[in-house]
Amino acid sequence: MSADNDTERITAATATDATAAGLTRVTFNATARTTAALTTILAVTGDNKTDAINNSLRAIATLLALAHSDGSVHVIAPDGVTHVVHLP
Protein backbone atom coordinates (compact mmCIF):
# COMPACT_ATOMS: atom_id res chain seq x y z
CA MET A 1 0.00 0.00 0.00
CA SER A 2 1.37 3.40 -1.00
CA ALA A 3 2.05 5.98 1.71
CA ASP A 4 0.11 8.50 -0.42
CA ASN A 5 -2.97 6.31 -0.54
CA ASP A 6 -5.86 7.63 1.59
CA THR A 7 -7.35 4.21 2.13
CA GLU A 8 -7.02 2.66 5.54
CA ARG A 9 -7.23 -1.10 5.53
CA ILE A 10 -8.68 -2.87 8.51
CA THR A 11 -6.25 -5.69 9.14
CA ALA A 12 -7.71 -7.27 12.23
CA ALA A 13 -10.65 -6.63 14.48
CA THR A 14 -11.26 -8.57 17.63
CA ALA A 15 -14.45 -7.89 19.52
CA THR A 16 -13.67 -8.22 23.18
CA ASP A 17 -15.29 -7.06 26.35
CA ALA A 18 -12.10 -5.37 27.47
CA THR A 19 -13.93 -3.41 30.13
CA ALA A 20 -17.41 -2.94 31.48
CA ALA A 21 -17.75 -0.16 28.88
CA GLY A 22 -17.82 -2.81 26.14
CA LEU A 23 -14.78 -1.68 24.21
CA THR A 24 -13.81 -3.27 20.91
CA ARG A 25 -10.14 -3.46 19.99
CA VAL A 26 -9.44 -2.64 16.34
CA THR A 27 -6.05 -2.69 14.63
CA PHE A 28 -5.57 -0.89 11.32
CA ASN A 29 -2.81 0.30 9.00
CA ALA A 30 -2.62 4.10 8.94
CA THR A 31 -1.20 5.77 5.84
CA ALA A 32 1.20 8.70 6.15
CA ARG A 33 -1.65 11.14 5.51
CA THR A 34 -3.80 9.46 8.15
CA THR A 35 -0.96 9.62 10.67
CA ALA A 36 -0.42 13.31 9.89
CA ALA A 37 -4.14 13.98 10.33
CA LEU A 38 -4.16 12.13 13.66
CA THR A 39 -1.12 14.11 14.83
CA THR A 40 -2.90 17.36 13.95
CA ILE A 41 -6.07 16.29 15.78
CA LEU A 42 -4.06 15.33 18.87
CA ALA A 43 -2.23 18.68 18.88
CA VAL A 44 -5.40 20.74 18.46
CA THR A 45 -7.69 18.86 20.83
CA GLY A 46 -5.30 17.50 23.42
CA ASP A 47 -7.17 14.18 23.19
CA ASN A 48 -5.44 10.83 23.39
CA LYS A 49 -5.33 8.60 20.29
CA THR A 50 -8.32 6.51 21.35
CA ASP A 51 -10.57 9.52 21.90
CA ALA A 52 -9.38 11.23 18.71
CA ILE A 53 -10.07 8.13 16.60
CA ASN A 54 -13.46 7.52 18.26
CA ASN A 55 -14.51 11.16 17.73
CA SER A 56 -13.30 11.10 14.13
CA LEU A 57 -15.29 7.97 13.31
CA ARG A 58 -18.43 9.46 14.86
CA ALA A 59 -17.87 12.71 12.94
CA ILE A 60 -17.53 11.00 9.55
CA ALA A 61 -20.60 8.85 10.27
CA THR A 62 -22.58 12.03 10.99
CA LEU A 63 -21.28 13.74 7.84
CA LEU A 64 -22.14 10.70 5.71
CA ALA A 65 -25.66 10.69 7.16
CA LEU A 66 -26.05 14.39 6.27
CA ALA A 67 -24.47 14.16 2.81
CA HIS A 68 -26.43 14.67 -0.39
CA SER A 69 -26.95 11.66 -2.66
CA ASP A 70 -23.79 12.62 -4.61
CA GLY A 71 -21.72 12.46 -1.41
CA SER A 72 -21.36 16.21 -1.03
CA VAL A 73 -21.73 18.22 2.15
CA HIS A 74 -22.22 21.98 1.94
CA VAL A 75 -20.49 23.91 4.71
CA ILE A 76 -21.17 27.58 5.33
CA ALA A 77 -18.10 29.35 6.71
CA PRO A 78 -18.38 32.17 9.27
CA ASP A 79 -17.88 34.70 6.46
CA GLY A 80 -20.92 33.29 4.63
CA VAL A 81 -18.99 31.52 1.88
CA THR A 82 -20.34 28.06 1.05
CA HIS A 83 -17.79 25.29 0.61
CA VAL A 84 -18.66 21.95 -0.96
CA VAL A 85 -16.89 18.91 0.48
CA HIS A 86 -17.12 15.62 -1.41
CA LEU A 87 -17.07 12.51 0.76
CA PRO A 88 -16.08 9.06 -0.46
PDB file of N, CA and C in Angstrom:
ATOM      1  N   MET A   1       0.838  -1.178   0.000  1.00  0.00           N
ATOM      2  CA  MET A   1       0.000   0.000   0.000  1.00  0.00           C
ATOM      3  C   MET A   1       0.881   1.238   0.000  1.00  0.00           C
ATOM      4  N   SER A   2       0.598   2.172  -0.858  1.00  0.00           N
ATOM      5  CA  SER A   2       1.366   3.400  -1.001  1.00  0.00           C
ATOM      6  C   SER A   2       1.136   4.327   0.183  1.00  0.00           C
ATOM      7  N   ALA A   3       2.178   5.033   0.613  1.00  0.00           N
ATOM      8  CA  ALA A   3       2.048   5.982   1.711  1.00  0.00           C
ATOM      9  C   ALA A   3       1.146   7.142   1.333  1.00  0.00           C
ATOM     10  N   ASP A   4       0.972   7.406   0.028  1.00  0.00           N
ATOM     11  CA  ASP A   4       0.113   8.497  -0.418  1.00  0.00           C
ATOM     12  C   ASP A   4      -1.343   8.081  -0.549  1.00  0.00           C
ATOM     13  N   ASN A   5      -1.612   6.824  -0.396  1.00  0.00           N
ATOM     14  CA  ASN A   5      -2.969   6.313  -0.543  1.00  0.00           C
ATOM     15  C   ASN A   5      -3.787   6.671   0.693  1.00  0.00           C
ATOM     16  N   ASP A   6      -4.988   7.214   0.485  1.00  0.00           N
ATOM     17  CA  ASP A   6      -5.856   7.625   1.588  1.00  0.00           C
ATOM     18  C   ASP A   6      -6.557   6.458   2.261  1.00  0.00           C
ATOM     19  N   THR A   7      -6.541   5.321   1.651  1.00  0.00           N
ATOM     20  CA  THR A   7      -7.349   4.211   2.127  1.00  0.00           C
ATOM     21  C   THR A   7      -6.706   3.542   3.332  1.00  0.00           C
ATOM     22  N   GLU A   8      -7.482   3.435   4.397  1.00  0.00           N
ATOM     23  CA  GLU A   8      -7.019   2.662   5.537  1.00  0.00           C
ATOM     24  C   GLU A   8      -7.587   1.261   5.390  1.00  0.00           C
ATOM     25  N   ARG A   9      -6.783   0.275   5.670  1.00  0.00           N
ATOM     26  CA  ARG A   9      -7.231  -1.100   5.534  1.00  0.00           C
ATOM     27  C   ARG A   9      -7.323  -1.712   6.916  1.00  0.00           C
ATOM     28  N   ILE A  10      -8.502  -2.175   7.238  1.00  0.00           N
ATOM     29  CA  ILE A  10      -8.677  -2.868   8.505  1.00  0.00           C
ATOM     30  C   ILE A  10      -7.983  -4.219   8.382  1.00  0.00           C
ATOM     31  N   THR A  11      -6.997  -4.445   9.240  1.00  0.00           N
ATOM     32  CA  THR A  11      -6.251  -5.691   9.139  1.00  0.00           C
ATOM     33  C   THR A  11      -6.720  -6.738  10.131  1.00  0.00           C
ATOM     34  N   ALA A  12      -7.233  -6.311  11.253  1.00  0.00           N
ATOM     35  CA  ALA A  12      -7.714  -7.266  12.232  1.00  0.00           C
ATOM     36  C   ALA A  12      -8.657  -6.554  13.168  1.00  0.00           C
ATOM     37  N   ALA A  13      -9.723  -7.196  13.510  1.00  0.00           N
ATOM     38  CA  ALA A  13     -10.651  -6.633  14.481  1.00  0.00           C
ATOM     39  C   ALA A  13     -11.086  -7.761  15.397  1.00  0.00           C
ATOM     40  N   THR A  14     -10.881  -7.564  16.657  1.00  0.00           N
ATOM     41  CA  THR A  14     -11.257  -8.572  17.630  1.00  0.00           C
ATOM     42  C   THR A  14     -12.228  -7.951  18.607  1.00  0.00           C
ATOM     43  N   ALA A  15     -13.448  -8.403  18.592  1.00  0.00           N
ATOM     44  CA  ALA A  15     -14.449  -7.894  19.522  1.00  0.00           C
ATOM     45  C   ALA A  15     -14.193  -8.542  20.873  1.00  0.00           C
ATOM     46  N   THR A  16     -13.890  -7.722  21.833  1.00  0.00           N
ATOM     47  CA  THR A  16     -13.670  -8.219  23.184  1.00  0.00           C
ATOM     48  C   THR A  16     -14.383  -7.314  24.164  1.00  0.00           C
ATOM     49  N   ASP A  17     -14.747  -7.871  25.272  1.00  0.00           N
ATOM     50  CA  ASP A  17     -15.292  -7.055  26.345  1.00  0.00           C
ATOM     51  C   ASP A  17     -14.125  -6.683  27.249  1.00  0.00           C
ATOM     52  N   ALA A  18     -13.308  -5.755  26.763  1.00  0.00           N
ATOM     53  CA  ALA A  18     -12.098  -5.369  27.467  1.00  0.00           C
ATOM     54  C   ALA A  18     -12.423  -4.741  28.813  1.00  0.00           C
ATOM     55  N   THR A  19     -13.529  -4.030  28.872  1.00  0.00           N
ATOM     56  CA  THR A  19     -13.934  -3.414  30.129  1.00  0.00           C
ATOM     57  C   THR A  19     -15.444  -3.481  30.223  1.00  0.00           C
ATOM     58  N   ALA A  20     -15.968  -3.001  31.309  1.00  0.00           N
ATOM     59  CA  ALA A  20     -17.413  -2.942  31.478  1.00  0.00           C
ATOM     60  C   ALA A  20     -18.035  -1.994  30.463  1.00  0.00           C
ATOM     61  N   ALA A  21     -17.237  -1.104  29.878  1.00  0.00           N
ATOM     62  CA  ALA A  21     -17.748  -0.163  28.882  1.00  0.00           C
ATOM     63  C   ALA A  21     -18.004  -0.844  27.547  1.00  0.00           C
ATOM     64  N   GLY A  22     -17.592  -2.091  27.380  1.00  0.00           N
ATOM     65  CA  GLY A  22     -17.822  -2.813  26.143  1.00  0.00           C
ATOM     66  C   GLY A  22     -16.957  -2.324  25.005  1.00  0.00           C
ATOM     67  N   LEU A  23     -15.692  -2.146  25.242  1.00  0.00           N
ATOM     68  CA  LEU A  23     -14.781  -1.677  24.212  1.00  0.00           C
ATOM     69  C   LEU A  23     -14.493  -2.769  23.195  1.00  0.00           C
ATOM     70  N   THR A  24     -14.218  -2.360  21.967  1.00  0.00           N
ATOM     71  CA  THR A  24     -13.805  -3.273  20.912  1.00  0.00           C
ATOM     72  C   THR A  24     -12.438  -2.847  20.429  1.00  0.00           C
ATOM     73  N   ARG A  25     -11.486  -3.764  20.460  1.00  0.00           N
ATOM     74  CA  ARG A  25     -10.142  -3.457  19.994  1.00  0.00           C
ATOM     75  C   ARG A  25     -10.103  -3.627  18.487  1.00  0.00           C
ATOM     76  N   VAL A  26      -9.571  -2.609  17.792  1.00  0.00           N
ATOM     77  CA  VAL A  26      -9.440  -2.640  16.336  1.00  0.00           C
ATOM     78  C   VAL A  26      -8.020  -2.234  15.991  1.00  0.00           C
ATOM     79  N   THR A  27      -7.390  -3.010  15.120  1.00  0.00           N
ATOM     80  CA  THR A  27      -6.055  -2.689  14.632  1.00  0.00           C
ATOM     81  C   THR A  27      -6.172  -2.340  13.164  1.00  0.00           C
ATOM     82  N   PHE A  28      -5.508  -1.262  12.723  1.00  0.00           N
ATOM     83  CA  PHE A  28      -5.565  -0.889  11.317  1.00  0.00           C
ATOM     84  C   PHE A  28      -4.238  -0.309  10.884  1.00  0.00           C
ATOM     85  N   ASN A  29      -4.013  -0.301   9.577  1.00  0.00           N
ATOM     86  CA  ASN A  29      -2.812   0.301   9.001  1.00  0.00           C
ATOM     87  C   ASN A  29      -3.134   1.745   8.645  1.00  0.00           C
ATOM     88  N   ALA A  30      -2.410   2.678   9.218  1.00  0.00           N
ATOM     89  CA  ALA A  30      -2.617   4.099   8.941  1.00  0.00           C
ATOM     90  C   ALA A  30      -1.600   4.559   7.905  1.00  0.00           C
ATOM     91  N   THR A  31      -2.090   5.221   6.856  1.00  0.00           N
ATOM     92  CA  THR A  31      -1.197   5.772   5.844  1.00  0.00           C
ATOM     93  C   THR A  31      -0.480   6.993   6.424  1.00  0.00           C
ATOM     94  N   ALA A  32       0.480   7.509   5.687  1.00  0.00           N
ATOM     95  CA  ALA A  32       1.204   8.695   6.145  1.00  0.00           C
ATOM     96  C   ALA A  32       0.253   9.875   6.320  1.00  0.00           C
ATOM     97  N   ARG A  33      -0.692  10.038   5.400  1.00  0.00           N
ATOM     98  CA  ARG A  33      -1.650  11.143   5.510  1.00  0.00           C
ATOM     99  C   ARG A  33      -2.564  10.972   6.717  1.00  0.00           C
ATOM    100  N   THR A  34      -2.957   9.728   6.990  1.00  0.00           N
ATOM    101  CA  THR A  34      -3.800   9.462   8.153  1.00  0.00           C
ATOM    102  C   THR A  34      -3.039   9.754   9.439  1.00  0.00           C
ATOM    103  N   THR A  35      -1.793   9.352   9.499  1.00  0.00           N
ATOM    104  CA  THR A  35      -0.961   9.621  10.670  1.00  0.00           C
ATOM    105  C   THR A  35      -0.771  11.117  10.876  1.00  0.00           C
ATOM    106  N   ALA A  36      -0.561  11.856   9.793  1.00  0.00           N
ATOM    107  CA  ALA A  36      -0.422  13.310   9.889  1.00  0.00           C
ATOM    108  C   ALA A  36      -1.718  13.944  10.388  1.00  0.00           C
ATOM    109  N   ALA A  37      -2.855  13.456   9.887  1.00  0.00           N
ATOM    110  CA  ALA A  37      -4.144  13.980  10.334  1.00  0.00           C
ATOM    111  C   ALA A  37      -4.358  13.691  11.818  1.00  0.00           C
ATOM    112  N   LEU A  38      -4.020  12.492  12.252  1.00  0.00           N
ATOM    113  CA  LEU A  38      -4.157  12.133  13.664  1.00  0.00           C
ATOM    114  C   LEU A  38      -3.262  13.014  14.528  1.00  0.00           C
ATOM    115  N   THR A  39      -2.048  13.246  14.094  1.00  0.00           N
ATOM    116  CA  THR A  39      -1.122  14.113  14.834  1.00  0.00           C
ATOM    117  C   THR A  39      -1.693  15.521  14.974  1.00  0.00           C
ATOM    118  N   THR A  40      -2.283  16.029  13.901  1.00  0.00           N
ATOM    119  CA  THR A  40      -2.899  17.355  13.951  1.00  0.00           C
ATOM    120  C   THR A  40      -4.060  17.377  14.934  1.00  0.00           C
ATOM    121  N   ILE A  41      -4.925  16.364  14.866  1.00  0.00           N
ATOM    122  CA  ILE A  41      -6.069  16.291  15.783  1.00  0.00           C
ATOM    123  C   ILE A  41      -5.604  16.241  17.226  1.00  0.00           C
ATOM    124  N   LEU A  42      -4.580  15.443  17.507  1.00  0.00           N
ATOM    125  CA  LEU A  42      -4.059  15.331  18.874  1.00  0.00           C
ATOM    126  C   LEU A  42      -3.522  16.669  19.364  1.00  0.00           C
ATOM    127  N   ALA A  43      -2.818  17.389  18.498  1.00  0.00           N
ATOM    128  CA  ALA A  43      -2.235  18.678  18.884  1.00  0.00           C
ATOM    129  C   ALA A  43      -3.313  19.722  19.152  1.00  0.00           C
ATOM    130  N   VAL A  44      -4.352  19.726  18.335  1.00  0.00           N
ATOM    131  CA  VAL A  44      -5.400  20.743  18.462  1.00  0.00           C
ATOM    132  C   VAL A  44      -6.322  20.457  19.638  1.00  0.00           C
ATOM    133  N   THR A  45      -6.694  19.194  19.809  1.00  0.00           N
ATOM    134  CA  THR A  45      -7.692  18.859  20.832  1.00  0.00           C
ATOM    135  C   THR A  45      -7.099  18.494  22.184  1.00  0.00           C
ATOM    136  N   GLY A  46      -5.874  17.989  22.178  1.00  0.00           N
ATOM    137  CA  GLY A  46      -5.298  17.501  23.423  1.00  0.00           C
ATOM    138  C   GLY A  46      -5.817  16.123  23.806  1.00  0.00           C
ATOM    139  N   ASP A  47      -6.628  15.514  22.929  1.00  0.00           N
ATOM    140  CA  ASP A  47      -7.169  14.180  23.187  1.00  0.00           C
ATOM    141  C   ASP A  47      -6.075  13.127  23.053  1.00  0.00           C
ATOM    142  N   ASN A  48      -6.331  11.956  23.631  1.00  0.00           N
ATOM    143  CA  ASN A  48      -5.444  10.826  23.390  1.00  0.00           C
ATOM    144  C   ASN A  48      -5.854  10.172  22.077  1.00  0.00           C
ATOM    145  N   LYS A  49      -5.061   9.225  21.594  1.00  0.00           N
ATOM    146  CA  LYS A  49      -5.330   8.604  20.288  1.00  0.00           C
ATOM    147  C   LYS A  49      -6.696   7.924  20.257  1.00  0.00           C
ATOM    148  N   THR A  50      -7.035   7.219  21.318  1.00  0.00           N
ATOM    149  CA  THR A  50      -8.317   6.510  21.350  1.00  0.00           C
ATOM    150  C   THR A  50      -9.479   7.476  21.206  1.00  0.00           C
ATOM    151  N   ASP A  51      -9.476   8.542  21.975  1.00  0.00           N
ATOM    152  CA  ASP A  51     -10.568   9.519  21.905  1.00  0.00           C
ATOM    153  C   ASP A  51     -10.604  10.213  20.549  1.00  0.00           C
ATOM    154  N   ALA A  52      -9.439  10.556  20.011  1.00  0.00           N
ATOM    155  CA  ALA A  52      -9.381  11.230  18.710  1.00  0.00           C
ATOM    156  C   ALA A  52      -9.943  10.337  17.606  1.00  0.00           C
ATOM    157  N   ILE A  53      -9.574   9.061  17.613  1.00  0.00           N
ATOM    158  CA  ILE A  53     -10.074   8.135  16.596  1.00  0.00           C
ATOM    159  C   ILE A  53     -11.574   7.915  16.779  1.00  0.00           C
ATOM    160  N   ASN A  54     -12.025   7.715  18.013  1.00  0.00           N
ATOM    161  CA  ASN A  54     -13.458   7.525  18.265  1.00  0.00           C
ATOM    162  C   ASN A  54     -14.258   8.739  17.805  1.00  0.00           C
ATOM    163  N   ASN A  55     -13.808   9.944  18.135  1.00  0.00           N
ATOM    164  CA  ASN A  55     -14.513  11.157  17.725  1.00  0.00           C
ATOM    165  C   ASN A  55     -14.512  11.320  16.211  1.00  0.00           C
ATOM    166  N   SER A  56     -13.396  10.989  15.581  1.00  0.00           N
ATOM    167  CA  SER A  56     -13.299  11.105  14.125  1.00  0.00           C
ATOM    168  C   SER A  56     -14.260  10.156  13.422  1.00  0.00           C
ATOM    169  N   LEU A  57     -14.365   8.937  13.911  1.00  0.00           N
ATOM    170  CA  LEU A  57     -15.285   7.971  13.310  1.00  0.00           C
ATOM    171  C   LEU A  57     -16.737   8.421  13.476  1.00  0.00           C
ATOM    172  N   ARG A  58     -17.072   8.948  14.653  1.00  0.00           N
ATOM    173  CA  ARG A  58     -18.434   9.458  14.861  1.00  0.00           C
ATOM    174  C   ARG A  58     -18.704  10.658  13.969  1.00  0.00           C
ATOM    175  N   ALA A  59     -17.702  11.527  13.779  1.00  0.00           N
ATOM    176  CA  ALA A  59     -17.873  12.712  12.938  1.00  0.00           C
ATOM    177  C   ALA A  59     -18.112  12.319  11.482  1.00  0.00           C
ATOM    178  N   ILE A  60     -17.336  11.389  10.946  1.00  0.00           N
ATOM    179  CA  ILE A  60     -17.527  11.000   9.546  1.00  0.00           C
ATOM    180  C   ILE A  60     -18.862  10.287   9.375  1.00  0.00           C
ATOM    181  N   ALA A  61     -19.292   9.511  10.356  1.00  0.00           N
ATOM    182  CA  ALA A  61     -20.600   8.855  10.273  1.00  0.00           C
ATOM    183  C   ALA A  61     -21.708   9.898  10.220  1.00  0.00           C
ATOM    184  N   THR A  62     -21.591  10.952  10.997  1.00  0.00           N
ATOM    185  CA  THR A  62     -22.579  12.034  10.989  1.00  0.00           C
ATOM    186  C   THR A  62     -22.567  12.747   9.646  1.00  0.00           C
ATOM    187  N   LEU A  63     -21.379  13.066   9.138  1.00  0.00           N
ATOM    188  CA  LEU A  63     -21.278  13.741   7.843  1.00  0.00           C
ATOM    189  C   LEU A  63     -21.867  12.885   6.722  1.00  0.00           C
ATOM    190  N   LEU A  64     -21.593  11.590   6.741  1.00  0.00           N
ATOM    191  CA  LEU A  64     -22.138  10.700   5.714  1.00  0.00           C
ATOM    192  C   LEU A  64     -23.660  10.657   5.786  1.00  0.00           C
ATOM    193  N   ALA A  65     -24.208  10.697   6.997  1.00  0.00           N
ATOM    194  CA  ALA A  65     -25.664  10.691   7.159  1.00  0.00           C
ATOM    195  C   ALA A  65     -26.288  11.983   6.640  1.00  0.00           C
ATOM    196  N   LEU A  66     -25.547  13.088   6.707  1.00  0.00           N
ATOM    197  CA  LEU A  66     -26.053  14.391   6.266  1.00  0.00           C
ATOM    198  C   LEU A  66     -25.754  14.694   4.800  1.00  0.00           C
ATOM    199  N   ALA A  67     -24.918  13.889   4.182  1.00  0.00           N
ATOM    200  CA  ALA A  67     -24.473  14.161   2.812  1.00  0.00           C
ATOM    201  C   ALA A  67     -25.606  14.011   1.809  1.00  0.00           C
ATOM    202  N   HIS A  68     -25.505  14.791   0.729  1.00  0.00           N
ATOM    203  CA  HIS A  68     -26.429  14.666  -0.395  1.00  0.00           C
ATOM    204  C   HIS A  68     -26.177  13.334  -1.087  1.00  0.00           C
ATOM    205  N   SER A  69     -27.072  12.961  -1.985  1.00  0.00           N
ATOM    206  CA  SER A  69     -26.947  11.665  -2.664  1.00  0.00           C
ATOM    207  C   SER A  69     -25.655  11.536  -3.470  1.00  0.00           C
ATOM    208  N   ASP A  70     -25.058  12.669  -3.874  1.00  0.00           N
ATOM    209  CA  ASP A  70     -23.790  12.624  -4.612  1.00  0.00           C
ATOM    210  C   ASP A  70     -22.575  12.609  -3.685  1.00  0.00           C
ATOM    211  N   GLY A  71     -22.813  12.522  -2.374  1.00  0.00           N
ATOM    212  CA  GLY A  71     -21.723  12.463  -1.409  1.00  0.00           C
ATOM    213  C   GLY A  71     -21.188  13.811  -0.990  1.00  0.00           C
ATOM    214  N   SER A  72     -21.859  14.880  -1.390  1.00  0.00           N
ATOM    215  CA  SER A  72     -21.364  16.214  -1.034  1.00  0.00           C
ATOM    216  C   SER A  72     -22.023  16.741   0.237  1.00  0.00           C
ATOM    217  N   VAL A  73     -21.249  17.516   0.963  1.00  0.00           N
ATOM    218  CA  VAL A  73     -21.731  18.223   2.146  1.00  0.00           C
ATOM    219  C   VAL A  73     -21.420  19.691   1.912  1.00  0.00           C
ATOM    220  N   HIS A  74     -22.407  20.547   2.126  1.00  0.00           N
ATOM    221  CA  HIS A  74     -22.223  21.981   1.937  1.00  0.00           C
ATOM    222  C   HIS A  74     -21.995  22.605   3.307  1.00  0.00           C
ATOM    223  N   VAL A  75     -20.873  23.298   3.438  1.00  0.00           N
ATOM    224  CA  VAL A  75     -20.487  23.908   4.709  1.00  0.00           C
ATOM    225  C   VAL A  75     -20.467  25.417   4.520  1.00  0.00           C
ATOM    226  N   ILE A  76     -21.151  26.123   5.402  1.00  0.00           N
ATOM    227  CA  ILE A  76     -21.169  27.582   5.333  1.00  0.00           C
ATOM    228  C   ILE A  76     -20.165  28.107   6.361  1.00  0.00           C
ATOM    229  N   ALA A  77     -19.150  28.791   5.863  1.00  0.00           N
ATOM    230  CA  ALA A  77     -18.097  29.348   6.714  1.00  0.00           C
ATOM    231  C   ALA A  77     -18.632  30.577   7.454  1.00  0.00           C
ATOM    232  N   PRO A  78     -17.943  30.993   8.515  1.00  0.00           N
ATOM    233  CA  PRO A  78     -18.383  32.172   9.268  1.00  0.00           C
ATOM    234  C   PRO A  78     -18.528  33.434   8.416  1.00  0.00           C
ATOM    235  N   ASP A  79     -17.773  33.515   7.319  1.00  0.00           N
ATOM    236  CA  ASP A  79     -17.880  34.700   6.457  1.00  0.00           C
ATOM    237  C   ASP A  79     -19.006  34.569   5.437  1.00  0.00           C
ATOM    238  N   GLY A  80     -19.784  33.481   5.512  1.00  0.00           N
ATOM    239  CA  GLY A  80     -20.920  33.289   4.630  1.00  0.00           C
ATOM    240  C   GLY A  80     -20.627  32.539   3.351  1.00  0.00           C
ATOM    241  N   VAL A  81     -19.371  32.251   3.086  1.00  0.00           N
ATOM    242  CA  VAL A  81     -18.991  31.524   1.876  1.00  0.00           C
ATOM    243  C   VAL A  81     -19.356  30.046   2.050  1.00  0.00           C
ATOM    244  N   THR A  82     -19.984  29.475   1.020  1.00  0.00           N
ATOM    245  CA  THR A  82     -20.343  28.063   1.049  1.00  0.00           C
ATOM    246  C   THR A  82     -19.235  27.241   0.406  1.00  0.00           C
ATOM    247  N   HIS A  83     -18.807  26.214   1.115  1.00  0.00           N
ATOM    248  CA  HIS A  83     -17.788  25.289   0.613  1.00  0.00           C
ATOM    249  C   HIS A  83     -18.459  23.936   0.408  1.00  0.00           C
ATOM    250  N   VAL A  84     -18.111  23.277  -0.678  1.00  0.00           N
ATOM    251  CA  VAL A  84     -18.663  21.948  -0.956  1.00  0.00           C
ATOM    252  C   VAL A  84     -17.560  20.929  -0.723  1.00  0.00           C
ATOM    253  N   VAL A  85     -17.833  19.971   0.161  1.00  0.00           N
ATOM    254  CA  VAL A  85     -16.890  18.907   0.476  1.00  0.00           C
ATOM    255  C   VAL A  85     -17.468  17.619  -0.080  1.00  0.00           C
ATOM    256  N   HIS A  86     -16.671  16.878  -0.830  1.00  0.00           N
ATOM    257  CA  HIS A  86     -17.118  15.615  -1.413  1.00  0.00           C
ATOM    258  C   HIS A  86     -16.560  14.458  -0.590  1.00  0.00           C
ATOM    259  N   LEU A  87     -17.455  13.657  -0.052  1.00  0.00           N
ATOM    260  CA  LEU A  87     -17.068  12.508   0.763  1.00  0.00           C
ATOM    261  C   LEU A  87     -16.989  11.272  -0.110  1.00  0.00           C
ATOM    262  N   PRO A  88     -16.196  10.298   0.323  1.00  0.00           N
ATOM    263  CA  PRO A  88     -16.079   9.055  -0.459  1.00  0.00           C
ATOM    264  C   PRO A  88     -17.379   8.265  -0.461  1.00  0.00           C
TER     265      PRO A  88
END
